[in-house]
N, C-alpha and C. Protein backbone atom coordinates (compact mmCIF):
# COMPACT_ATOMS: atom_id res chain seq x y z
N MET A 1 -55.29 -53.03 -98.44
CA MET A 1 -55.22 -52.93 -99.57
C MET A 1 -55.00 -53.89 -100.89
N THR A 2 -55.62 -53.91 -101.72
CA THR A 2 -55.56 -55.00 -102.29
C THR A 2 -54.27 -55.03 -103.51
N ARG A 3 -54.18 -56.16 -104.18
CA ARG A 3 -52.74 -56.33 -105.33
C ARG A 3 -53.02 -55.12 -106.56
N GLU A 4 -54.11 -55.27 -106.82
CA GLU A 4 -54.51 -53.54 -107.70
C GLU A 4 -54.68 -53.05 -107.29
N GLU A 5 -54.51 -52.35 -106.17
CA GLU A 5 -54.62 -51.01 -105.65
C GLU A 5 -53.17 -50.77 -105.44
N LYS A 6 -52.49 -51.94 -105.02
CA LYS A 6 -51.01 -51.49 -104.62
C LYS A 6 -50.11 -51.46 -106.18
N SER A 7 -49.97 -52.02 -107.04
CA SER A 7 -49.93 -52.33 -108.13
C SER A 7 -50.04 -50.50 -109.04
N GLN A 8 -51.43 -50.30 -108.64
CA GLN A 8 -51.91 -48.94 -109.33
C GLN A 8 -50.75 -47.60 -108.81
N VAL A 9 -50.79 -47.70 -107.33
CA VAL A 9 -49.74 -46.86 -106.49
C VAL A 9 -48.67 -46.96 -106.81
N ILE A 10 -48.38 -48.33 -107.21
CA ILE A 10 -46.74 -48.38 -107.91
C ILE A 10 -46.36 -47.84 -109.10
N GLU A 11 -47.37 -47.78 -109.88
CA GLU A 11 -47.88 -47.27 -111.10
C GLU A 11 -47.67 -45.77 -111.53
N GLU A 12 -48.51 -45.11 -110.42
CA GLU A 12 -48.44 -43.70 -110.16
C GLU A 12 -47.01 -43.18 -109.55
N LEU A 13 -46.33 -43.81 -108.75
CA LEU A 13 -45.00 -43.81 -107.94
C LEU A 13 -44.23 -43.36 -109.21
N THR A 14 -44.01 -44.80 -109.82
CA THR A 14 -42.95 -44.84 -111.14
C THR A 14 -43.09 -43.38 -111.95
N THR A 15 -44.51 -43.22 -112.37
CA THR A 15 -45.13 -41.81 -113.11
C THR A 15 -44.05 -40.75 -112.50
N GLU A 16 -44.72 -40.41 -111.44
CA GLU A 16 -43.67 -38.97 -110.44
C GLU A 16 -42.40 -39.18 -110.64
N LEU A 17 -41.66 -40.48 -110.35
CA LEU A 17 -40.56 -40.48 -110.09
C LEU A 17 -39.75 -40.34 -111.50
N ALA A 18 -40.31 -40.77 -112.34
CA ALA A 18 -39.90 -40.45 -113.57
C ALA A 18 -40.14 -39.03 -114.43
N ASN A 19 -41.29 -38.11 -113.49
CA ASN A 19 -41.52 -36.83 -114.00
C ASN A 19 -40.73 -36.24 -113.69
N ASN A 20 -39.91 -35.83 -112.32
CA ASN A 20 -39.28 -35.14 -111.21
C ASN A 20 -37.79 -35.54 -111.32
N ALA A 21 -36.98 -34.05 -111.41
CA ALA A 21 -35.70 -34.28 -111.15
C ALA A 21 -35.00 -34.42 -109.93
N ASN A 22 -36.06 -33.45 -109.17
CA ASN A 22 -35.63 -33.32 -107.26
C ASN A 22 -36.66 -34.25 -106.71
N ILE A 23 -36.37 -35.24 -106.08
CA ILE A 23 -37.12 -35.91 -105.03
C ILE A 23 -36.25 -36.32 -103.45
N TYR A 24 -37.22 -35.20 -102.58
CA TYR A 24 -36.90 -35.72 -100.98
C TYR A 24 -37.69 -36.62 -100.71
N LEU A 25 -36.97 -37.47 -99.48
CA LEU A 25 -37.56 -38.50 -98.61
C LEU A 25 -37.15 -37.26 -97.10
N ALA A 26 -38.29 -37.72 -96.46
CA ALA A 26 -38.22 -36.96 -95.47
C ALA A 26 -39.07 -37.90 -94.46
N ASP A 27 -38.97 -37.49 -93.01
CA ASP A 27 -39.60 -38.74 -91.90
C ASP A 27 -40.36 -37.15 -91.27
N ILE A 28 -41.87 -37.15 -91.01
CA ILE A 28 -42.45 -36.46 -90.57
C ILE A 28 -43.28 -36.94 -89.48
N SER A 29 -42.92 -37.92 -89.02
CA SER A 29 -43.52 -38.65 -87.86
C SER A 29 -42.95 -37.86 -86.59
N GLY A 30 -44.62 -37.88 -85.84
CA GLY A 30 -44.15 -36.76 -84.69
C GLY A 30 -44.69 -35.93 -84.88
N LEU A 31 -45.12 -34.87 -85.89
CA LEU A 31 -45.71 -33.95 -86.13
C LEU A 31 -47.22 -33.97 -85.65
N ASN A 32 -48.08 -33.11 -85.16
CA ASN A 32 -49.28 -33.22 -84.72
C ASN A 32 -49.71 -33.06 -86.16
N ALA A 33 -51.18 -33.02 -86.05
CA ALA A 33 -52.20 -32.83 -87.39
C ALA A 33 -51.61 -31.13 -87.74
N GLY A 34 -51.84 -30.64 -86.74
CA GLY A 34 -51.51 -29.15 -87.37
C GLY A 34 -50.34 -28.52 -87.53
N ALA A 35 -49.10 -29.34 -87.19
CA ALA A 35 -48.00 -28.81 -87.62
C ALA A 35 -47.92 -29.69 -89.25
N THR A 36 -48.63 -30.79 -89.12
CA THR A 36 -48.65 -31.58 -90.45
C THR A 36 -49.15 -30.74 -91.28
N SER A 37 -50.55 -30.27 -91.19
CA SER A 37 -51.08 -29.18 -92.03
C SER A 37 -50.48 -28.03 -92.33
N ASP A 38 -49.88 -27.32 -91.63
CA ASP A 38 -49.12 -26.36 -91.76
C ASP A 38 -47.73 -26.97 -92.86
N LEU A 39 -47.30 -28.00 -92.53
CA LEU A 39 -45.96 -28.03 -93.46
C LEU A 39 -46.59 -28.42 -94.97
N ARG A 40 -47.75 -28.92 -94.96
CA ARG A 40 -48.31 -29.42 -96.26
C ARG A 40 -49.23 -27.45 -96.93
N ARG A 41 -49.58 -26.89 -96.18
CA ARG A 41 -49.97 -25.46 -96.68
C ARG A 41 -48.72 -25.13 -96.89
N ALA A 42 -47.60 -24.69 -96.27
CA ALA A 42 -45.94 -24.47 -97.03
C ALA A 42 -45.51 -24.75 -97.88
N ALA A 43 -45.70 -26.35 -98.15
CA ALA A 43 -45.00 -27.08 -99.52
C ALA A 43 -46.06 -26.53 -100.65
N PHE A 44 -47.33 -26.40 -100.64
CA PHE A 44 -48.07 -25.77 -101.23
C PHE A 44 -47.48 -24.50 -102.02
N LYS A 45 -47.38 -23.57 -100.94
CA LYS A 45 -46.90 -22.42 -101.23
C LYS A 45 -45.70 -22.26 -101.76
N ALA A 46 -44.63 -23.11 -101.63
CA ALA A 46 -43.54 -23.21 -102.29
C ALA A 46 -43.38 -24.17 -103.85
N ASN A 47 -44.70 -24.29 -104.07
CA ASN A 47 -44.77 -24.93 -105.23
C ASN A 47 -43.99 -26.36 -105.12
N ILE A 48 -44.35 -27.51 -104.14
CA ILE A 48 -43.33 -28.33 -103.67
C ILE A 48 -44.90 -29.63 -103.74
N THR A 49 -44.77 -30.73 -104.27
CA THR A 49 -45.78 -31.58 -104.04
C THR A 49 -45.40 -32.66 -102.87
N MET A 50 -46.21 -32.77 -101.85
CA MET A 50 -45.61 -33.76 -101.03
C MET A 50 -47.11 -34.83 -100.57
N ALA A 51 -46.52 -35.90 -100.47
CA ALA A 51 -46.96 -36.88 -100.05
C ALA A 51 -46.74 -38.09 -98.91
N VAL A 52 -47.42 -39.14 -98.40
CA VAL A 52 -46.36 -39.86 -97.35
C VAL A 52 -47.08 -41.41 -98.05
N VAL A 53 -46.27 -42.27 -98.04
CA VAL A 53 -46.15 -43.39 -99.05
C VAL A 53 -45.63 -44.37 -98.00
N LYS A 54 -46.07 -45.55 -98.50
CA LYS A 54 -45.51 -46.70 -98.37
C LYS A 54 -44.07 -47.41 -98.34
N ASN A 55 -43.33 -47.54 -97.49
CA ASN A 55 -41.90 -47.75 -98.08
C ASN A 55 -41.77 -48.76 -98.50
N THR A 56 -42.67 -49.81 -98.90
CA THR A 56 -42.66 -50.76 -99.68
C THR A 56 -42.92 -50.45 -101.29
N LEU A 57 -43.68 -49.72 -101.18
CA LEU A 57 -44.25 -49.58 -102.72
C LEU A 57 -43.67 -48.15 -103.51
N LEU A 58 -42.92 -47.56 -102.44
CA LEU A 58 -41.84 -46.43 -102.89
C LEU A 58 -40.67 -47.48 -103.24
N ALA A 59 -40.63 -48.41 -103.01
CA ALA A 59 -38.92 -49.43 -103.16
C ALA A 59 -39.46 -50.06 -104.32
N LYS A 60 -40.29 -50.16 -104.49
CA LYS A 60 -40.73 -51.04 -105.84
C LYS A 60 -41.17 -50.01 -107.31
N ALA A 61 -41.36 -48.79 -106.56
CA ALA A 61 -41.60 -47.90 -107.82
C ALA A 61 -39.97 -47.54 -108.10
N MET A 62 -39.03 -47.40 -107.03
CA MET A 62 -37.74 -46.77 -107.44
C MET A 62 -37.07 -47.90 -108.22
N GLU A 63 -37.47 -49.21 -108.07
CA GLU A 63 -36.76 -50.58 -108.86
C GLU A 63 -37.17 -50.40 -110.07
N ALA A 64 -38.55 -49.86 -110.51
CA ALA A 64 -39.60 -50.17 -111.74
C ALA A 64 -39.04 -48.69 -112.53
N SER A 65 -38.16 -47.92 -111.86
CA SER A 65 -37.83 -46.26 -112.53
C SER A 65 -36.84 -46.75 -113.31
N ASP A 66 -36.59 -45.82 -114.69
CA ASP A 66 -35.40 -46.02 -115.28
C ASP A 66 -34.16 -45.21 -114.76
N LYS A 67 -34.51 -44.42 -113.51
CA LYS A 67 -33.54 -43.47 -112.97
C LYS A 67 -32.86 -44.43 -111.79
N GLU A 68 -31.50 -44.47 -111.64
CA GLU A 68 -30.45 -45.21 -111.06
C GLU A 68 -30.27 -44.22 -109.02
N PHE A 69 -31.51 -44.93 -108.64
CA PHE A 69 -31.34 -44.42 -107.16
C PHE A 69 -30.13 -44.67 -106.14
N GLY A 70 -29.51 -45.44 -106.52
CA GLY A 70 -28.26 -45.66 -105.41
C GLY A 70 -28.45 -46.03 -104.19
N GLU A 71 -28.43 -45.77 -103.16
CA GLU A 71 -28.41 -45.97 -101.95
C GLU A 71 -29.62 -45.52 -101.18
N LEU A 72 -30.84 -44.80 -102.29
CA LEU A 72 -31.78 -43.99 -101.44
C LEU A 72 -32.61 -44.94 -101.26
N PRO A 73 -33.00 -46.28 -101.28
CA PRO A 73 -34.13 -47.07 -100.90
C PRO A 73 -33.48 -47.49 -99.47
N THR A 74 -32.02 -47.63 -99.30
CA THR A 74 -32.17 -48.32 -98.06
C THR A 74 -32.36 -47.00 -96.80
N VAL A 75 -33.13 -45.71 -96.81
CA VAL A 75 -33.32 -44.97 -95.88
C VAL A 75 -34.94 -45.13 -95.79
N LEU A 76 -35.62 -46.33 -96.50
CA LEU A 76 -36.86 -46.37 -96.36
C LEU A 76 -37.74 -47.20 -95.20
N LYS A 77 -37.23 -46.77 -94.31
CA LYS A 77 -37.79 -47.31 -92.92
C LYS A 77 -38.38 -46.10 -92.56
N GLY A 78 -39.61 -46.80 -91.85
CA GLY A 78 -40.07 -45.84 -90.96
C GLY A 78 -41.41 -45.06 -91.26
N ASN A 79 -41.46 -43.81 -91.10
CA ASN A 79 -42.48 -42.96 -92.14
C ASN A 79 -41.80 -41.90 -92.91
N THR A 80 -42.19 -42.17 -94.09
CA THR A 80 -41.74 -41.58 -95.23
C THR A 80 -42.66 -40.66 -96.15
N SER A 81 -42.61 -39.31 -96.14
CA SER A 81 -43.03 -38.54 -97.09
C SER A 81 -42.11 -38.12 -98.16
N VAL A 82 -42.73 -37.94 -99.26
CA VAL A 82 -41.93 -37.80 -100.47
C VAL A 82 -42.51 -36.37 -100.73
N MET A 83 -41.13 -35.26 -101.01
CA MET A 83 -41.61 -34.44 -101.67
C MET A 83 -40.89 -34.42 -103.51
N TYR A 84 -41.69 -33.52 -104.09
CA TYR A 84 -41.03 -33.10 -105.44
C TYR A 84 -41.21 -31.56 -105.75
N ALA A 85 -40.05 -31.48 -106.30
CA ALA A 85 -39.72 -29.78 -106.47
C ALA A 85 -39.53 -29.51 -107.97
N GLU A 86 -39.84 -28.84 -108.40
CA GLU A 86 -39.27 -28.12 -109.87
C GLU A 86 -37.57 -27.66 -109.55
N THR A 87 -37.38 -26.42 -108.20
CA THR A 87 -36.33 -26.46 -107.77
C THR A 87 -35.34 -27.00 -106.84
N GLY A 88 -34.33 -27.36 -107.10
CA GLY A 88 -33.70 -28.66 -106.55
C GLY A 88 -33.37 -28.21 -104.94
N ASN A 89 -33.42 -26.59 -104.58
CA ASN A 89 -33.22 -26.64 -103.05
C ASN A 89 -34.71 -26.16 -102.41
N ALA A 90 -35.57 -25.81 -103.17
CA ALA A 90 -36.64 -25.87 -102.73
C ALA A 90 -37.51 -26.37 -101.24
N PRO A 91 -37.24 -27.99 -101.13
CA PRO A 91 -37.59 -28.80 -99.98
C PRO A 91 -36.58 -28.81 -99.15
N ALA A 92 -35.57 -28.72 -99.10
CA ALA A 92 -34.42 -28.25 -98.14
C ALA A 92 -34.89 -27.04 -97.47
N LYS A 93 -34.84 -26.04 -98.22
CA LYS A 93 -35.09 -24.60 -97.89
C LYS A 93 -36.44 -24.57 -96.68
N LEU A 94 -37.73 -25.66 -97.56
CA LEU A 94 -38.99 -25.94 -96.24
C LEU A 94 -38.27 -26.64 -95.15
N ILE A 95 -37.67 -27.56 -95.21
CA ILE A 95 -37.41 -28.33 -94.12
C ILE A 95 -36.68 -27.27 -93.11
N LYS A 96 -35.59 -26.38 -93.40
CA LYS A 96 -35.00 -25.75 -92.93
C LYS A 96 -35.82 -24.91 -92.25
N ASN A 97 -36.59 -24.12 -92.85
CA ASN A 97 -37.43 -23.21 -92.30
C ASN A 97 -38.70 -23.70 -91.15
N PHE A 98 -39.14 -24.75 -91.16
CA PHE A 98 -40.09 -25.42 -90.43
C PHE A 98 -39.26 -25.86 -89.59
N ARG A 99 -38.35 -26.23 -89.54
CA ARG A 99 -37.25 -26.60 -88.09
C ARG A 99 -36.82 -25.32 -87.30
N LYS A 100 -37.09 -24.40 -87.59
CA LYS A 100 -37.32 -23.31 -86.81
C LYS A 100 -38.29 -23.57 -85.57
N LYS A 101 -39.36 -24.01 -85.97
CA LYS A 101 -40.26 -23.85 -84.99
C LYS A 101 -40.60 -25.73 -84.38
N SER A 102 -39.73 -26.89 -85.24
CA SER A 102 -40.52 -28.40 -84.62
C SER A 102 -38.69 -28.68 -85.07
N GLU A 103 -38.44 -30.06 -84.40
CA GLU A 103 -37.70 -31.00 -84.96
C GLU A 103 -37.51 -31.96 -86.06
N LYS A 104 -38.99 -31.64 -86.46
CA LYS A 104 -39.31 -32.18 -87.70
C LYS A 104 -39.41 -31.50 -89.09
N PRO A 105 -39.23 -31.91 -89.93
CA PRO A 105 -39.12 -33.22 -90.61
C PRO A 105 -37.64 -33.42 -90.68
N LEU A 106 -37.61 -34.39 -90.61
CA LEU A 106 -35.72 -34.98 -91.06
C LEU A 106 -35.57 -35.35 -92.41
N LEU A 107 -34.53 -35.37 -92.77
CA LEU A 107 -34.16 -35.39 -94.12
C LEU A 107 -33.92 -36.63 -94.14
N LYS A 108 -34.35 -37.81 -95.05
CA LYS A 108 -33.54 -38.92 -95.00
C LYS A 108 -32.81 -39.22 -96.18
N GLY A 109 -33.37 -38.40 -97.30
CA GLY A 109 -32.64 -38.68 -98.23
C GLY A 109 -33.16 -37.60 -99.74
N ALA A 110 -31.99 -37.45 -100.43
CA ALA A 110 -32.29 -36.87 -101.84
C ALA A 110 -32.00 -37.11 -103.10
N PHE A 111 -32.73 -36.91 -104.30
CA PHE A 111 -32.19 -37.34 -105.44
C PHE A 111 -32.55 -35.81 -106.26
N ILE A 112 -31.24 -35.31 -106.63
CA ILE A 112 -31.46 -34.16 -107.46
C ILE A 112 -30.57 -34.13 -108.36
N GLU A 113 -31.48 -34.28 -109.95
CA GLU A 113 -30.68 -34.21 -110.77
C GLU A 113 -29.64 -35.07 -110.70
N GLU A 114 -29.93 -36.32 -110.32
CA GLU A 114 -29.27 -37.87 -110.78
C GLU A 114 -28.05 -37.69 -109.51
N ALA A 115 -28.04 -36.57 -108.63
CA ALA A 115 -27.09 -37.02 -107.23
C ALA A 115 -27.86 -37.47 -106.14
N ILE A 116 -27.42 -38.09 -105.83
CA ILE A 116 -27.50 -38.31 -104.50
C ILE A 116 -27.57 -38.27 -103.04
N TYR A 117 -28.07 -37.78 -102.15
CA TYR A 117 -27.72 -37.26 -100.78
C TYR A 117 -28.75 -37.91 -99.59
N ILE A 118 -27.80 -38.36 -99.10
CA ILE A 118 -28.41 -39.55 -97.51
C ILE A 118 -28.62 -38.58 -96.54
N GLY A 119 -29.00 -38.42 -95.78
CA GLY A 119 -28.83 -38.38 -94.10
C GLY A 119 -29.36 -37.22 -93.95
N ASP A 120 -29.76 -36.55 -92.82
CA ASP A 120 -29.84 -35.41 -92.67
C ASP A 120 -29.04 -34.40 -92.61
N GLU A 121 -28.02 -34.83 -91.86
CA GLU A 121 -26.85 -33.75 -92.19
C GLU A 121 -26.32 -33.34 -93.57
N GLN A 122 -27.09 -33.62 -94.80
CA GLN A 122 -26.88 -32.86 -96.35
C GLN A 122 -27.89 -32.05 -96.17
N LEU A 123 -28.51 -31.44 -95.20
CA LEU A 123 -29.60 -31.15 -95.32
C LEU A 123 -29.17 -29.01 -95.52
N ASP A 124 -27.94 -28.73 -95.18
CA ASP A 124 -27.41 -27.55 -95.39
C ASP A 124 -26.67 -27.80 -96.81
N ALA A 125 -26.56 -28.39 -97.24
CA ALA A 125 -25.70 -28.94 -98.60
C ALA A 125 -26.46 -28.40 -99.75
N LEU A 126 -27.70 -28.86 -99.25
CA LEU A 126 -28.73 -29.12 -100.11
C LEU A 126 -29.38 -27.84 -100.22
N VAL A 127 -29.54 -27.17 -98.72
CA VAL A 127 -30.28 -25.59 -99.35
C VAL A 127 -29.52 -24.41 -99.96
N GLU A 128 -28.15 -25.05 -100.28
CA GLU A 128 -27.08 -24.09 -100.86
C GLU A 128 -26.96 -24.67 -102.48
N ILE A 129 -27.64 -25.67 -102.87
CA ILE A 129 -27.45 -25.93 -103.93
C ILE A 129 -28.15 -24.62 -104.92
N LYS A 130 -27.76 -24.37 -106.22
CA LYS A 130 -28.11 -23.04 -106.86
C LYS A 130 -29.12 -23.98 -108.32
N SER A 131 -30.59 -23.49 -108.42
CA SER A 131 -31.12 -23.92 -109.43
C SER A 131 -30.86 -23.64 -110.62
N LYS A 132 -31.28 -24.30 -111.72
CA LYS A 132 -30.79 -23.97 -113.17
C LYS A 132 -30.64 -22.63 -113.52
N ASP A 133 -31.58 -22.13 -113.33
CA ASP A 133 -31.83 -20.84 -113.47
C ASP A 133 -30.96 -19.70 -113.05
N GLU A 134 -30.53 -19.98 -111.47
CA GLU A 134 -29.58 -19.30 -110.83
C GLU A 134 -28.27 -19.39 -111.45
N LEU A 135 -28.43 -20.32 -111.86
CA LEU A 135 -26.24 -20.53 -112.16
C LEU A 135 -26.66 -20.13 -113.76
N LEU A 136 -27.69 -20.09 -114.44
CA LEU A 136 -27.96 -19.48 -115.84
C LEU A 136 -27.73 -18.03 -115.57
N GLY A 137 -28.27 -17.53 -114.61
CA GLY A 137 -27.76 -15.99 -114.24
C GLY A 137 -26.35 -15.67 -114.43
N GLU A 138 -26.25 -16.34 -113.23
CA GLU A 138 -24.30 -16.26 -112.86
C GLU A 138 -23.65 -16.17 -114.10
N ILE A 139 -24.13 -17.42 -114.94
CA ILE A 139 -23.16 -17.55 -116.26
C ILE A 139 -23.07 -16.01 -117.18
N VAL A 140 -24.26 -15.99 -117.12
CA VAL A 140 -24.87 -14.82 -118.22
C VAL A 140 -24.05 -13.25 -117.56
N GLY A 141 -24.21 -13.27 -116.02
CA GLY A 141 -23.42 -12.22 -115.63
C GLY A 141 -22.09 -12.05 -115.57
N LEU A 142 -21.12 -13.32 -115.47
CA LEU A 142 -19.71 -13.50 -115.43
C LEU A 142 -19.61 -12.85 -117.27
N LEU A 143 -20.53 -13.54 -118.15
CA LEU A 143 -19.86 -13.24 -119.68
C LEU A 143 -19.99 -11.61 -120.02
N GLN A 144 -21.20 -11.14 -119.51
CA GLN A 144 -21.75 -9.47 -119.59
C GLN A 144 -20.08 -8.92 -118.96
N SER A 145 -19.93 -9.74 -117.78
CA SER A 145 -18.84 -8.61 -117.06
C SER A 145 -17.73 -7.99 -117.80
N PRO A 146 -17.17 -9.09 -118.63
CA PRO A 146 -15.52 -8.24 -119.28
C PRO A 146 -16.41 -7.28 -120.19
N ALA A 147 -17.30 -7.85 -120.92
CA ALA A 147 -17.60 -7.17 -122.43
C ALA A 147 -18.24 -5.47 -121.80
N LYS A 148 -18.62 -5.39 -120.35
CA LYS A 148 -19.05 -4.05 -119.87
C LYS A 148 -17.45 -3.17 -119.44
N ASN A 149 -16.82 -4.37 -119.25
CA ASN A 149 -15.57 -3.22 -118.43
C ASN A 149 -14.62 -2.62 -120.19
N VAL A 150 -14.75 -3.56 -121.16
CA VAL A 150 -14.09 -3.53 -122.56
C VAL A 150 -15.22 -1.66 -122.67
N VAL A 151 -16.64 -1.73 -122.79
CA VAL A 151 -17.66 -0.69 -123.24
C VAL A 151 -17.06 0.54 -122.52
N SER A 152 -17.18 0.29 -120.91
CA SER A 152 -16.61 1.26 -119.92
C SER A 152 -15.39 1.83 -120.25
N ALA A 153 -14.36 1.19 -120.46
CA ALA A 153 -13.03 1.22 -120.79
C ALA A 153 -12.89 2.11 -121.78
N LEU A 154 -13.59 1.75 -123.31
CA LEU A 154 -13.41 2.35 -124.25
C LEU A 154 -14.27 3.93 -124.32
N LYS A 155 -15.42 4.12 -123.21
CA LYS A 155 -16.22 5.23 -123.57
C LYS A 155 -15.13 6.06 -122.34
N SER A 156 -14.44 5.92 -121.34
CA SER A 156 -14.18 6.65 -120.50
C SER A 156 -12.60 7.47 -121.38
N SER A 157 -12.15 6.42 -121.93
CA SER A 157 -10.99 6.64 -122.75
C SER A 157 -10.97 6.90 -123.85
N GLY A 158 -12.39 6.95 -124.40
CA GLY A 158 -12.98 7.26 -125.93
C GLY A 158 -12.27 9.36 -125.82
N GLY A 159 -12.67 9.90 -125.07
CA GLY A 159 -12.16 11.05 -124.95
C GLY A 159 -10.78 11.19 -125.23
N LYS A 160 -10.13 10.60 -124.22
CA LYS A 160 -8.54 10.70 -124.21
C LYS A 160 -7.89 10.22 -125.88
N ILE A 161 -8.39 9.41 -126.22
CA ILE A 161 -8.07 8.79 -127.44
C ILE A 161 -8.71 9.72 -128.53
N ALA A 162 -9.50 10.40 -128.55
CA ALA A 162 -9.96 11.57 -129.23
C ALA A 162 -9.19 12.72 -129.19
N GLY A 163 -8.77 13.03 -128.49
CA GLY A 163 -7.96 14.03 -127.80
C GLY A 163 -6.52 13.67 -128.10
N ILE A 164 -5.90 12.90 -128.18
CA ILE A 164 -4.77 12.28 -128.89
C ILE A 164 -4.70 12.59 -130.35
N ILE A 165 -6.02 11.85 -130.66
CA ILE A 165 -5.82 12.09 -132.31
C ILE A 165 -5.63 13.72 -132.82
N LYS A 166 -6.55 14.22 -131.83
CA LYS A 166 -6.57 15.59 -132.37
C LYS A 166 -5.54 16.30 -132.17
N THR A 167 -4.62 16.24 -131.26
CA THR A 167 -3.67 16.46 -131.25
C THR A 167 -2.44 16.38 -131.99
N LEU A 168 -2.36 15.48 -132.13
CA LEU A 168 -1.41 15.02 -133.28
C LEU A 168 -1.96 15.27 -134.90
N SER A 169 -2.88 15.53 -135.31
CA SER A 169 -3.88 15.84 -136.56
C SER A 169 -3.23 17.27 -136.55
N GLU A 170 -3.55 18.44 -135.37
CA GLU A 170 -3.21 19.31 -135.28
C GLU A 170 -1.52 19.73 -135.66
N LYS A 171 -0.70 18.56 -135.09
CA LYS A 171 0.83 19.18 -134.93
C LYS A 171 1.03 18.47 -136.69
N GLU A 172 0.58 17.53 -137.06
CA GLU A 172 1.10 17.64 -138.62
C GLU A 172 0.76 18.63 -139.53
N GLY A 173 -0.47 19.09 -139.06
CA GLY A 173 -1.08 20.46 -140.42
C GLY A 173 -0.44 21.65 -139.78
């Protein structure tokens, strides 16, 4: 690879890092061609972009990026695949589901909305992360809940209130 090709790859990686809030680094070494193809197909279906990268080029792209990757460059050893997704937990779910059939891929690390996760033992925590839309849905549900309770209380006791008012008005008459 020429110096120009390397700098172009670094530039492209830097752009990808800048444009994605959810970045996973995984080790897929040891997967045969068929399993790798299955993983790529599953990633595509889950709207996850996946690419195998050279560690040195990715490290330089991380350095050139505006984002703070903390300890993440330290996991750039051996075979590294990068996964980009709009949903923070989508690659974690993909890895977990794929590992039902295979020992790989192993999670090396992840950068989720500026939070950094290092190591495969973080996989379960990452699967549990809720997306922005899921969190907004929960908040809206929580906000609607008290209003629904008030409305239903007024409806159910509305008859009682009307009866009490009617009784009081009849007593005065």
